[in-house]
PDB file of all heavy atoms in Angstrom:
ATOM      1  N   LEU A   1       1.842 -15.477  -4.293  1.00  0.00           N
ATOM      2  CA  LEU A   1       0.801 -15.412  -3.274  1.00  0.00           C
ATOM      3  C   LEU A   1      -0.595 -15.530  -3.867  1.00  0.00           C
ATOM      4  O   LEU A   1      -1.511 -16.046  -3.209  1.00  0.00           O
ATOM      5  CB  LEU A   1       0.944 -14.123  -2.464  1.00  0.00           C
ATOM      6  CG  LEU A   1       2.153 -14.120  -1.515  1.00  0.00           C
ATOM      7  CD1 LEU A   1       2.396 -12.740  -0.932  1.00  0.00           C
ATOM      8  CD2 LEU A   1       1.958 -15.145  -0.399  1.00  0.00           C
ATOM      9  N   ALA A   2      -0.766 -15.071  -5.104  1.00  0.00           N
ATOM     10  CA  ALA A   2      -2.058 -15.244  -5.761  1.00  0.00           C
ATOM     11  C   ALA A   2      -2.397 -16.724  -5.873  1.00  0.00           C
ATOM     12  O   ALA A   2      -3.565 -17.128  -5.739  1.00  0.00           O
ATOM     13  CB  ALA A   2      -2.049 -14.588  -7.140  1.00  0.00           C
ATOM     14  N   GLY A   3      -1.363 -17.535  -6.103  1.00  0.00           N
ATOM     15  CA  GLY A   3      -1.572 -18.981  -6.174  1.00  0.00           C
ATOM     16  C   GLY A   3      -1.991 -19.586  -4.853  1.00  0.00           C
ATOM     17  O   GLY A   3      -2.500 -20.713  -4.801  1.00  0.00           O
ATOM     18  N   LYS A   4      -1.801 -18.850  -3.761  1.00  0.00           N
ATOM     19  CA  LYS A   4      -2.204 -19.313  -2.427  1.00  0.00           C
ATOM     20  C   LYS A   4      -3.416 -18.525  -1.919  1.00  0.00           C
ATOM     21  O   LYS A   4      -3.739 -18.567  -0.728  1.00  0.00           O
ATOM     22  CB  LYS A   4      -1.031 -19.186  -1.462  1.00  0.00           C
ATOM     23  CG  LYS A   4       0.156 -20.075  -1.849  1.00  0.00           C
ATOM     24  CD  LYS A   4       1.258 -20.011  -0.823  1.00  0.00           C
ATOM     25  CE  LYS A   4       2.406 -20.950  -1.207  1.00  0.00           C
ATOM     26  NZ  LYS A   4       1.979 -22.375  -1.192  1.00  0.00           N
ATOM     27  N   GLU A   5      -4.045 -17.769  -2.848  1.00  0.00           N
ATOM     28  CA  GLU A   5      -5.253 -16.982  -2.555  1.00  0.00           C
ATOM     29  C   GLU A   5      -4.994 -15.865  -1.538  1.00  0.00           C
ATOM     30  O   GLU A   5      -5.893 -15.433  -0.823  1.00  0.00           O
ATOM     31  CB  GLU A   5      -6.394 -17.878  -2.076  1.00  0.00           C
ATOM     32  CG  GLU A   5      -6.828 -18.916  -3.106  1.00  0.00           C
ATOM     33  CD  GLU A   5      -8.047 -19.688  -2.643  1.00  0.00           C
ATOM     34  OE1 GLU A   5      -7.851 -20.681  -1.898  1.00  0.00           O
ATOM     35  OE2 GLU A   5      -9.165 -19.277  -3.009  1.00  0.00           O
ATOM     36  N   ILE A   6      -3.746 -15.408  -1.477  1.00  0.00           N
ATOM     37  CA  ILE A   6      -3.372 -14.269  -0.634  1.00  0.00           C
ATOM     38  C   ILE A   6      -3.108 -13.080  -1.545  1.00  0.00           C
ATOM     39  O   ILE A   6      -2.408 -13.205  -2.562  1.00  0.00           O
ATOM     40  CB  ILE A   6      -2.124 -14.575   0.215  1.00  0.00           C
ATOM     41  CG1 ILE A   6      -2.357 -15.819   1.088  1.00  0.00           C
ATOM     42  CG2 ILE A   6      -1.746 -13.366   1.068  1.00  0.00           C
ATOM     43  CD1 ILE A   6      -3.483 -15.688   2.073  1.00  0.00           C
ATOM     44  N   LEU A   7      -3.666 -11.926  -1.210  1.00  0.00           N
ATOM     45  CA  LEU A   7      -3.485 -10.718  -2.018  1.00  0.00           C
ATOM     46  C   LEU A   7      -2.213  -9.995  -1.576  1.00  0.00           C
ATOM     47  O   LEU A   7      -1.975  -9.835  -0.376  1.00  0.00           O
ATOM     48  CB  LEU A   7      -4.693  -9.802  -1.865  1.00  0.00           C
ATOM     49  CG  LEU A   7      -6.064 -10.441  -2.106  1.00  0.00           C
ATOM     50  CD1 LEU A   7      -7.165  -9.400  -1.961  1.00  0.00           C
ATOM     51  CD2 LEU A   7      -6.126 -11.124  -3.452  1.00  0.00           C
ATOM     52  N   PHE A   8      -1.408  -9.557  -2.553  1.00  0.00           N
ATOM     53  CA  PHE A   8      -0.130  -8.919  -2.227  1.00  0.00           C
ATOM     54  C   PHE A   8      -0.080  -7.527  -2.824  1.00  0.00           C
ATOM     55  O   PHE A   8      -0.443  -7.313  -3.987  1.00  0.00           O
ATOM     56  CB  PHE A   8       1.033  -9.749  -2.770  1.00  0.00           C
ATOM     57  CG  PHE A   8       2.392  -9.256  -2.346  1.00  0.00           C
ATOM     58  CD1 PHE A   8       2.821  -9.396  -1.038  1.00  0.00           C
ATOM     59  CD2 PHE A   8       3.248  -8.645  -3.259  1.00  0.00           C
ATOM     60  CE1 PHE A   8       4.073  -8.949  -0.636  1.00  0.00           C
ATOM     61  CE2 PHE A   8       4.507  -8.188  -2.871  1.00  0.00           C
ATOM     62  CZ  PHE A   8       4.914  -8.338  -1.554  1.00  0.00           C
ATOM     63  N   ILE A   9       0.376  -6.576  -2.021  1.00  0.00           N
ATOM     64  CA  ILE A   9       0.601  -5.195  -2.469  1.00  0.00           C
ATOM     65  C   ILE A   9       2.067  -4.853  -2.256  1.00  0.00           C
ATOM     66  O   ILE A   9       2.607  -5.044  -1.159  1.00  0.00           O
ATOM     67  CB  ILE A   9      -0.268  -4.191  -1.682  1.00  0.00           C
ATOM     68  CG1 ILE A   9      -1.754  -4.387  -2.011  1.00  0.00           C
ATOM     69  CG2 ILE A   9       0.148  -2.755  -1.986  1.00  0.00           C
ATOM     70  CD1 ILE A   9      -2.685  -3.489  -1.197  1.00  0.00           C
ATOM     71  N   GLY A  10       2.720  -4.350  -3.290  1.00  0.00           N
ATOM     72  CA  GLY A  10       4.059  -3.794  -3.164  1.00  0.00           C
ATOM     73  C   GLY A  10       3.927  -2.288  -3.240  1.00  0.00           C
ATOM     74  O   GLY A  10       3.560  -1.748  -4.286  1.00  0.00           O
ATOM     75  N   SER A  11       4.173  -1.603  -2.141  1.00  0.00           N
ATOM     76  CA  SER A  11       3.900  -0.165  -2.085  1.00  0.00           C
ATOM     77  C   SER A  11       5.166   0.645  -1.842  1.00  0.00           C
ATOM     78  O   SER A  11       5.835   0.473  -0.822  1.00  0.00           O
ATOM     79  CB  SER A  11       2.894   0.130  -0.966  1.00  0.00           C
ATOM     80  OG  SER A  11       2.566   1.498  -0.943  1.00  0.00           O
ATOM     81  N   GLY A  12       5.461   1.534  -2.773  1.00  0.00           N
ATOM     82  CA  GLY A  12       6.518   2.499  -2.533  1.00  0.00           C
ATOM     83  C   GLY A  12       6.035   3.526  -1.520  1.00  0.00           C
ATOM     84  O   GLY A  12       4.883   3.968  -1.581  1.00  0.00           O
ATOM     85  N   ILE A  13       6.879   3.881  -0.571  1.00  0.00           N
ATOM     86  CA  ILE A  13       6.558   4.902   0.428  1.00  0.00           C
ATOM     87  C   ILE A  13       7.730   5.860   0.500  1.00  0.00           C
ATOM     88  O   ILE A  13       8.862   5.435   0.734  1.00  0.00           O
ATOM     89  CB  ILE A  13       6.286   4.280   1.808  1.00  0.00           C
ATOM     90  CG1 ILE A  13       5.095   3.319   1.742  1.00  0.00           C
ATOM     91  CG2 ILE A  13       6.032   5.371   2.852  1.00  0.00           C
ATOM     92  CD1 ILE A  13       4.809   2.608   3.048  1.00  0.00           C
ATOM     93  N   SER A  14       7.475   7.144   0.290  1.00  0.00           N
ATOM     94  CA  SER A  14       8.563   8.122   0.292  1.00  0.00           C
ATOM     95  C   SER A  14       8.241   9.267   1.241  1.00  0.00           C
ATOM     96  O   SER A  14       7.098   9.635   1.443  1.00  0.00           O
ATOM     97  CB  SER A  14       8.785   8.677  -1.116  1.00  0.00           C
ATOM     98  OG  SER A  14       9.834   9.621  -1.104  1.00  0.00           O
ATOM     99  N   GLY A  15       9.298   9.827   1.787  1.00  0.00           N
ATOM    100  CA  GLY A  15       9.165  10.972   2.673  1.00  0.00           C
ATOM    101  C   GLY A  15      10.015  10.860   3.919  1.00  0.00           C
ATOM    102  O   GLY A  15      10.043  11.767   4.747  1.00  0.00           O
ATOM    103  N   GLY A  16      10.710   9.711   4.054  1.00  0.00           N
ATOM    104  CA  GLY A  16      11.557   9.535   5.222  1.00  0.00           C
ATOM    105  C   GLY A  16      10.740   9.444   6.497  1.00  0.00           C
ATOM    106  O   GLY A  16       9.519   9.263   6.477  1.00  0.00           O
ATOM    107  N   GLU A  17      11.399   9.587   7.629  1.00  0.00           N
ATOM    108  CA  GLU A  17      10.718   9.413   8.904  1.00  0.00           C
ATOM    109  C   GLU A  17       9.677  10.506   9.149  1.00  0.00           C
ATOM    110  O   GLU A  17       8.593  10.249   9.704  1.00  0.00           O
ATOM    111  CB  GLU A  17      11.732   9.373  10.049  1.00  0.00           C
ATOM    112  CG  GLU A  17      12.639  10.580  10.158  1.00  0.00           C
ATOM    113  CD  GLU A  17      13.697  10.399  11.250  1.00  0.00           C
ATOM    114  OE1 GLU A  17      13.332  10.491  12.441  1.00  0.00           O
ATOM    115  OE2 GLU A  17      14.865  10.161  10.905  1.00  0.00           O
ATOM    116  N   GLU A  18       9.963  11.735   8.701  1.00  0.00           N
ATOM    117  CA  GLU A  18       8.993  12.820   8.879  1.00  0.00           C
ATOM    118  C   GLU A  18       7.737  12.568   8.055  1.00  0.00           C
ATOM    119  O   GLU A  18       6.610  12.758   8.523  1.00  0.00           O
ATOM    120  CB  GLU A  18       9.628  14.156   8.473  1.00  0.00           C
ATOM    121  CG  GLU A  18       8.692  15.340   8.649  1.00  0.00           C
ATOM    122  CD  GLU A  18       9.317  16.657   8.208  1.00  0.00           C
ATOM    123  OE1 GLU A  18      10.566  16.708   8.067  1.00  0.00           O
ATOM    124  OE2 GLU A  18       8.562  17.618   7.988  1.00  0.00           O
ATOM    125  N   GLY A  19       7.937  12.112   6.799  1.00  0.00           N
ATOM    126  CA  GLY A  19       6.793  11.802   5.959  1.00  0.00           C
ATOM    127  C   GLY A  19       5.965  10.669   6.521  1.00  0.00           C
ATOM    128  O   GLY A  19       4.732  10.724   6.540  1.00  0.00           O
ATOM    129  N   ALA A  20       6.643   9.622   6.995  1.00  0.00           N
ATOM    130  CA  ALA A  20       5.927   8.478   7.564  1.00  0.00           C
ATOM    131  C   ALA A  20       5.062   8.908   8.750  1.00  0.00           C
ATOM    132  O   ALA A  20       3.937   8.424   8.918  1.00  0.00           O
ATOM    133  CB  ALA A  20       6.921   7.402   7.998  1.00  0.00           C
ATOM    134  N   ARG A  21       5.567   9.841   9.530  1.00  0.00           N
ATOM    135  CA  ARG A  21       4.842  10.275  10.728  1.00  0.00           C
ATOM    136  C   ARG A  21       3.665  11.189  10.405  1.00  0.00           C
ATOM    137  O   ARG A  21       2.594  11.085  11.017  1.00  0.00           O
ATOM    138  CB  ARG A  21       5.813  10.994  11.674  1.00  0.00           C
ATOM    139  CG  ARG A  21       5.179  11.437  12.995  1.00  0.00           C
ATOM    140  CD  ARG A  21       4.789  10.238  13.833  1.00  0.00           C
ATOM    141  NE  ARG A  21       4.090  10.621  15.063  1.00  0.00           N
ATOM    142  CZ  ARG A  21       2.787  10.823  15.155  1.00  0.00           C
ATOM    143  NH1 ARG A  21       2.022  10.699  14.056  1.00  0.00           N
ATOM    144  NH2 ARG A  21       2.225  11.156  16.296  1.00  0.00           N
ATOM    145  N   HIS A  22       3.860  12.088   9.428  1.00  0.00           N
ATOM    146  CA  HIS A  22       2.852  13.131   9.211  1.00  0.00           C
ATOM    147  C   HIS A  22       2.174  13.067   7.844  1.00  0.00           C
ATOM    148  O   HIS A  22       1.236  13.837   7.607  1.00  0.00           O
ATOM    149  CB  HIS A  22       3.488  14.509   9.396  1.00  0.00           C
ATOM    150  CG  HIS A  22       4.088  14.702  10.754  1.00  0.00           C
ATOM    151  ND1 HIS A  22       3.316  14.792  11.893  1.00  0.00           N
ATOM    152  CD2 HIS A  22       5.383  14.788  11.157  1.00  0.00           C
ATOM    153  CE1 HIS A  22       4.112  14.951  12.947  1.00  0.00           C
ATOM    154  NE2 HIS A  22       5.363  14.946  12.536  1.00  0.00           N
ATOM    155  N   GLY A  23       2.621  12.189   6.959  1.00  0.00           N
ATOM    156  CA  GLY A  23       1.980  12.082   5.660  1.00  0.00           C
ATOM    157  C   GLY A  23       2.970  11.826   4.542  1.00  0.00           C
ATOM    158  O   GLY A  23       3.540  12.765   3.988  1.00  0.00           O
ATOM    159  N   PRO A  24       3.185  10.562   4.175  1.00  0.00           N
ATOM    160  CA  PRO A  24       4.121  10.247   3.088  1.00  0.00           C
ATOM    161  C   PRO A  24       3.423  10.227   1.737  1.00  0.00           C
ATOM    162  O   PRO A  24       2.192  10.233   1.642  1.00  0.00           O
ATOM    163  CB  PRO A  24       4.588   8.838   3.466  1.00  0.00           C
ATOM    164  CG  PRO A  24       3.367   8.222   4.105  1.00  0.00           C
ATOM    165  CD  PRO A  24       2.667   9.350   4.833  1.00  0.00           C
ATOM    166  N   SER A  25       4.221  10.174   0.698  1.00  0.00           N
ATOM    167  CA  SER A  25       3.727   9.832  -0.636  1.00  0.00           C
ATOM    168  C   SER A  25       3.684   8.308  -0.712  1.00  0.00           C
ATOM    169  O   SER A  25       4.661   7.647  -0.377  1.00  0.00           O
ATOM    170  CB  SER A  25       4.667  10.396  -1.709  1.00  0.00           C
ATOM    171  OG  SER A  25       4.363   9.851  -2.972  1.00  0.00           O
ATOM    172  N   ILE A  26       2.541   7.762  -1.126  1.00  0.00           N
ATOM    173  CA  ILE A  26       2.363   6.314  -1.143  1.00  0.00           C
ATOM    174  C   ILE A  26       2.028   5.862  -2.557  1.00  0.00           C
ATOM    175  O   ILE A  26       1.127   6.418  -3.198  1.00  0.00           O
ATOM    176  CB  ILE A  26       1.259   5.864  -0.164  1.00  0.00           C
ATOM    177  CG1 ILE A  26       1.522   6.424   1.235  1.00  0.00           C
ATOM    178  CG2 ILE A  26       1.170   4.350  -0.119  1.00  0.00           C
ATOM    179  CD1 ILE A  26       0.455   6.075   2.253  1.00  0.00           C
ATOM    180  N   MET A  27       2.759   4.858  -3.046  1.00  0.00           N
ATOM    181  CA  MET A  27       2.635   4.379  -4.427  1.00  0.00           C
ATOM    182  C   MET A  27       2.325   2.886  -4.440  1.00  0.00           C
ATOM    183  O   MET A  27       3.202   2.065  -4.684  1.00  0.00           O
ATOM    184  CB  MET A  27       3.941   4.670  -5.181  1.00  0.00           C
ATOM    185  CG  MET A  27       4.292   6.141  -5.281  1.00  0.00           C
ATOM    186  SD  MET A  27       6.086   6.462  -5.394  1.00  0.00           S
ATOM    187  CE  MET A  27       6.465   6.914  -3.703  1.00  0.00           C
ATOM    188  N   PRO A  28       1.076   2.484  -4.179  1.00  0.00           N
ATOM    189  CA  PRO A  28       0.748   1.058  -4.101  1.00  0.00           C
ATOM    190  C   PRO A  28       0.504   0.414  -5.458  1.00  0.00           C
ATOM    191  O   PRO A  28      -0.072   1.023  -6.360  1.00  0.00           O
ATOM    192  CB  PRO A  28      -0.535   1.048  -3.268  1.00  0.00           C
ATOM    193  CG  PRO A  28      -1.185   2.365  -3.578  1.00  0.00           C
ATOM    194  CD  PRO A  28      -0.066   3.332  -3.819  1.00  0.00           C
ATOM    195  N   GLY A  29       0.959  -0.819  -5.597  1.00  0.00           N
ATOM    196  CA  GLY A  29       0.691  -1.623  -6.782  1.00  0.00           C
ATOM    197  C   GLY A  29       0.627  -3.081  -6.364  1.00  0.00           C
ATOM    198  O   GLY A  29       0.940  -3.425  -5.229  1.00  0.00           O
ATOM    199  N   GLY A  30       0.225  -3.946  -7.285  1.00  0.00           N
ATOM    200  CA  GLY A  30       0.159  -5.363  -6.954  1.00  0.00           C
ATOM    201  C   GLY A  30      -1.169  -5.966  -7.360  1.00  0.00           C
ATOM    202  O   GLY A  30      -1.672  -5.706  -8.456  1.00  0.00           O
ATOM    203  N   ASN A  31      -1.767  -6.744  -6.463  1.00  0.00           N
ATOM    204  CA  ASN A  31      -3.046  -7.389  -6.738  1.00  0.00           C
ATOM    205  C   ASN A  31      -4.165  -6.363  -6.536  1.00  0.00           C
ATOM    206  O   ASN A  31      -4.442  -5.944  -5.417  1.00  0.00           O
ATOM    207  CB  ASN A  31      -3.239  -8.584  -5.804  1.00  0.00           C
ATOM    208  CG  ASN A  31      -4.383  -9.469  -6.238  1.00  0.00           C
ATOM    209  OD1 ASN A  31      -5.450  -8.987  -6.606  1.00  0.00           O
ATOM    210  ND2 ASN A  31      -4.169 -10.787  -6.177  1.00  0.00           N
ATOM    211  N   SER A  32      -4.820  -5.964  -7.611  1.00  0.00           N
ATOM    212  CA  SER A  32      -5.784  -4.865  -7.562  1.00  0.00           C
ATOM    213  C   SER A  32      -6.990  -5.175  -6.671  1.00  0.00           C
ATOM    214  O   SER A  32      -7.659  -4.253  -6.192  1.00  0.00           O
ATOM    215  CB  SER A  32      -6.264  -4.519  -8.967  1.00  0.00           C
ATOM    216  OG  SER A  32      -6.897  -5.631  -9.568  1.00  0.00           O
ATOM    217  N   HIS A  33      -7.271  -6.456  -6.428  1.00  0.00           N
ATOM    218  CA  HIS A  33      -8.409  -6.820  -5.586  1.00  0.00           C
ATOM    219  C   HIS A  33      -8.198  -6.378  -4.133  1.00  0.00           C
ATOM    220  O   HIS A  33      -9.155  -6.320  -3.350  1.00  0.00           O
ATOM    221  CB  HIS A  33      -8.645  -8.328  -5.632  1.00  0.00           C
ATOM    222  CG  HIS A  33      -9.008  -8.828  -6.995  1.00  0.00           C
ATOM    223  ND1 HIS A  33     -10.169  -8.460  -7.644  1.00  0.00           N
ATOM    224  CD2 HIS A  33      -8.350  -9.657  -7.850  1.00  0.00           C
ATOM    225  CE1 HIS A  33     -10.220  -9.051  -8.831  1.00  0.00           C
ATOM    226  NE2 HIS A  33      -9.128  -9.776  -8.979  1.00  0.00           N
ATOM    227  N   ALA A  34      -6.964  -6.059  -3.779  1.00  0.00           N
ATOM    228  CA  ALA A  34      -6.673  -5.640  -2.406  1.00  0.00           C
ATOM    229  C   ALA A  34      -6.899  -4.150  -2.185  1.00  0.00           C
ATOM    230  O   ALA A  34      -7.027  -3.702  -1.032  1.00  0.00           O
ATOM    231  CB  ALA A  34      -5.220  -5.991  -2.055  1.00  0.00           C
ATOM    232  N   TRP A  35      -6.959  -3.359  -3.246  1.00  0.00           N
ATOM    233  CA  TRP A  35      -6.957  -1.904  -3.109  1.00  0.00           C
ATOM    234  C   TRP A  35      -8.148  -1.389  -2.301  1.00  0.00           C
ATOM    235  O   TRP A  35      -8.008  -0.563  -1.400  1.00  0.00           O
ATOM    236  CB  TRP A  35      -6.892  -1.252  -4.468  1.00  0.00           C
ATOM    237  CG  TRP A  35      -6.947   0.251  -4.469  1.00  0.00           C
ATOM    238  CD1 TRP A  35      -7.757   1.058  -5.224  1.00  0.00           C
ATOM    239  CD2 TRP A  35      -6.150   1.171  -3.693  1.00  0.00           C
ATOM    240  NE1 TRP A  35      -7.519   2.372  -4.968  1.00  0.00           N
ATOM    241  CE2 TRP A  35      -6.539   2.477  -4.028  1.00  0.00           C
ATOM    242  CE3 TRP A  35      -5.151   0.986  -2.726  1.00  0.00           C
ATOM    243  CZ2 TRP A  35      -5.971   3.606  -3.447  1.00  0.00           C
ATOM    244  CZ3 TRP A  35      -4.581   2.122  -2.136  1.00  0.00           C
ATOM    245  CH2 TRP A  35      -4.978   3.410  -2.498  1.00  0.00           C
ATOM    246  N   ASP A  36      -9.350  -1.886  -2.601  1.00  0.00           N
ATOM    247  CA  ASP A  36     -10.526  -1.416  -1.876  1.00  0.00           C
ATOM    248  C   ASP A  36     -10.431  -1.695  -0.378  1.00  0.00           C
ATOM    249  O   ASP A  36     -11.011  -0.962   0.433  1.00  0.00           O
ATOM    250  CB  ASP A  36     -11.796  -2.072  -2.437  1.00  0.00           C
ATOM    251  CG  ASP A  36     -12.203  -1.485  -3.787  1.00  0.00           C
ATOM    252  OD1 ASP A  36     -11.751  -0.365  -4.099  1.00  0.00           O
ATOM    253  OD2 ASP A  36     -12.949  -2.148  -4.520  1.00  0.00           O
ATOM    254  N   GLN A  37      -9.701  -2.739  -0.005  1.00  0.00           N
ATOM    255  CA  GLN A  37      -9.580  -3.119   1.411  1.00  0.00           C
ATOM    256  C   GLN A  37      -8.625  -2.208   2.184  1.00  0.00           C
ATOM    257  O   GLN A  37      -8.757  -2.062   3.406  1.00  0.00           O
ATOM    258  CB  GLN A  37      -9.105  -4.575   1.529  1.00  0.00           C
ATOM    259  CG  GLN A  37      -9.981  -5.596   0.834  1.00  0.00           C
ATOM    260  CD  GLN A  37     -11.338  -5.734   1.476  1.00  0.00           C
ATOM    261  OE1 GLN A  37     -11.502  -5.484   2.669  1.00  0.00           O
ATOM    262  NE2 GLN A  37     -12.326  -6.124   0.686  1.00  0.00           N
ATOM    263  N   VAL A  38      -7.636  -1.630   1.495  1.00  0.00           N
ATOM    264  CA  VAL A  38      -6.622  -0.815   2.195  1.00  0.00           C
ATOM    265  C   VAL A  38      -6.728   0.668   1.855  1.00  0.00           C
ATOM    266  O   VAL A  38      -6.057   1.493   2.470  1.00  0.00           O
ATOM    267  CB  VAL A  38      -5.192  -1.311   1.864  1.00  0.00           C
ATOM    268  CG1 VAL A  38      -5.036  -2.782   2.246  1.00  0.00           C
ATOM    269  CG2 VAL A  38      -4.848  -1.095   0.401  1.00  0.00           C
ATOM    270  N   LYS A  39      -7.582   1.005   0.889  1.00  0.00           N
ATOM    271  CA  LYS A  39      -7.662   2.384   0.397  1.00  0.00           C
ATOM    272  C   LYS A  39      -7.974   3.381   1.507  1.00  0.00           C
ATOM    273  O   LYS A  39      -7.370   4.464   1.572  1.00  0.00           O
ATOM    274  CB  LYS A  39      -8.722   2.470  -0.703  1.00  0.00           C
ATOM    275  CG  LYS A  39      -8.832   3.834  -1.362  1.00  0.00           C
ATOM    276  CD  LYS A  39      -9.850   3.789  -2.509  1.00  0.00           C
ATOM    277  CE  LYS A  39      -9.947   5.137  -3.201  1.00  0.00           C
ATOM    278  NZ  LYS A  39     -10.921   5.081  -4.334  1.00  0.00           N
ATOM    279  N   LYS A  40      -8.893   3.031   2.402  1.00  0.00           N
ATOM    280  CA  LYS A  40      -9.276   3.964   3.468  1.00  0.00           C
ATOM    281  C   LYS A  40      -8.095   4.285   4.373  1.00  0.00           C
ATOM    282  O   LYS A  40      -7.866   5.444   4.731  1.00  0.00           O
ATOM    283  CB  LYS A  40     -10.425   3.369   4.284  1.00  0.00           C
ATOM    284  CG  LYS A  40     -10.930   4.290   5.387  1.00  0.00           C
ATOM    285  CD  LYS A  40     -12.072   3.649   6.150  1.00  0.00           C
ATOM    286  CE  LYS A  40     -12.558   4.554   7.278  1.00  0.00           C
ATOM    287  NZ  LYS A  40     -13.671   3.935   8.057  1.00  0.00           N
ATOM    288  N   ILE A  41      -7.326   3.262   4.728  1.00  0.00           N
ATOM    289  CA  ILE A  41      -6.166   3.485   5.615  1.00  0.00           C
ATOM    290  C   ILE A  41      -5.109   4.318   4.907  1.00  0.00           C
ATOM    291  O   ILE A  41      -4.627   5.326   5.447  1.00  0.00           O
ATOM    292  CB  ILE A  41      -5.571   2.139   6.077  1.00  0.00           C
ATOM    293  CG1 ILE A  41      -6.599   1.355   6.898  1.00  0.00           C
ATOM    294  CG2 ILE A  41      -4.292   2.369   6.895  1.00  0.00           C
ATOM    295  CD1 ILE A  41      -6.146  -0.038   7.296  1.00  0.00           C
ATOM    296  N   PHE A  42      -4.736   3.910   3.689  1.00  0.00           N
ATOM    297  CA  PHE A  42      -3.692   4.618   2.960  1.00  0.00           C
ATOM    298  C   PHE A  42      -4.086   6.067   2.678  1.00  0.00           C
ATOM    299  O   PHE A  42      -3.262   6.981   2.788  1.00  0.00           O
ATOM    300  CB  PHE A  42      -3.389   3.895   1.641  1.00  0.00           C
ATOM    301  CG  PHE A  42      -2.466   2.712   1.785  1.00  0.00           C
ATOM    302  CD1 PHE A  42      -2.217   2.135   3.010  1.00  0.00           C
ATOM    303  CD2 PHE A  42      -1.838   2.173   0.665  1.00  0.00           C
ATOM    304  CE1 PHE A  42      -1.369   1.048   3.149  1.00  0.00           C
ATOM    305  CE2 PHE A  42      -0.990   1.090   0.776  1.00  0.00           C
ATOM    306  CZ  PHE A  42      -0.756   0.522   2.022  1.00  0.00           C
ATOM    307  N   SER A  43      -5.339   6.275   2.303  1.00  0.00           N
ATOM    308  CA  SER A  43      -5.804   7.630   1.991  1.00  0.00           C
ATOM    309  C   SER A  43      -5.826   8.517   3.222  1.00  0.00           C
ATOM    310  O   SER A  43      -5.685   9.736   3.123  1.00  0.00           O
ATOM    311  CB  SER A  43      -7.202   7.581   1.367  1.00  0.00           C
ATOM    312  OG  SER A  43      -7.191   6.864   0.149  1.00  0.00           O
TER     313      SER A  43
END
């Protein structure tokens, strides 16, 4: 995707359905240029 100028994040998400609803552990990695764009939402 970098070759197509698209930023890609592969993010581990743990906590099951309860965690997803109320606050999971999130482990993002990938194209670092994307982090500032999604940091507010993930945080």
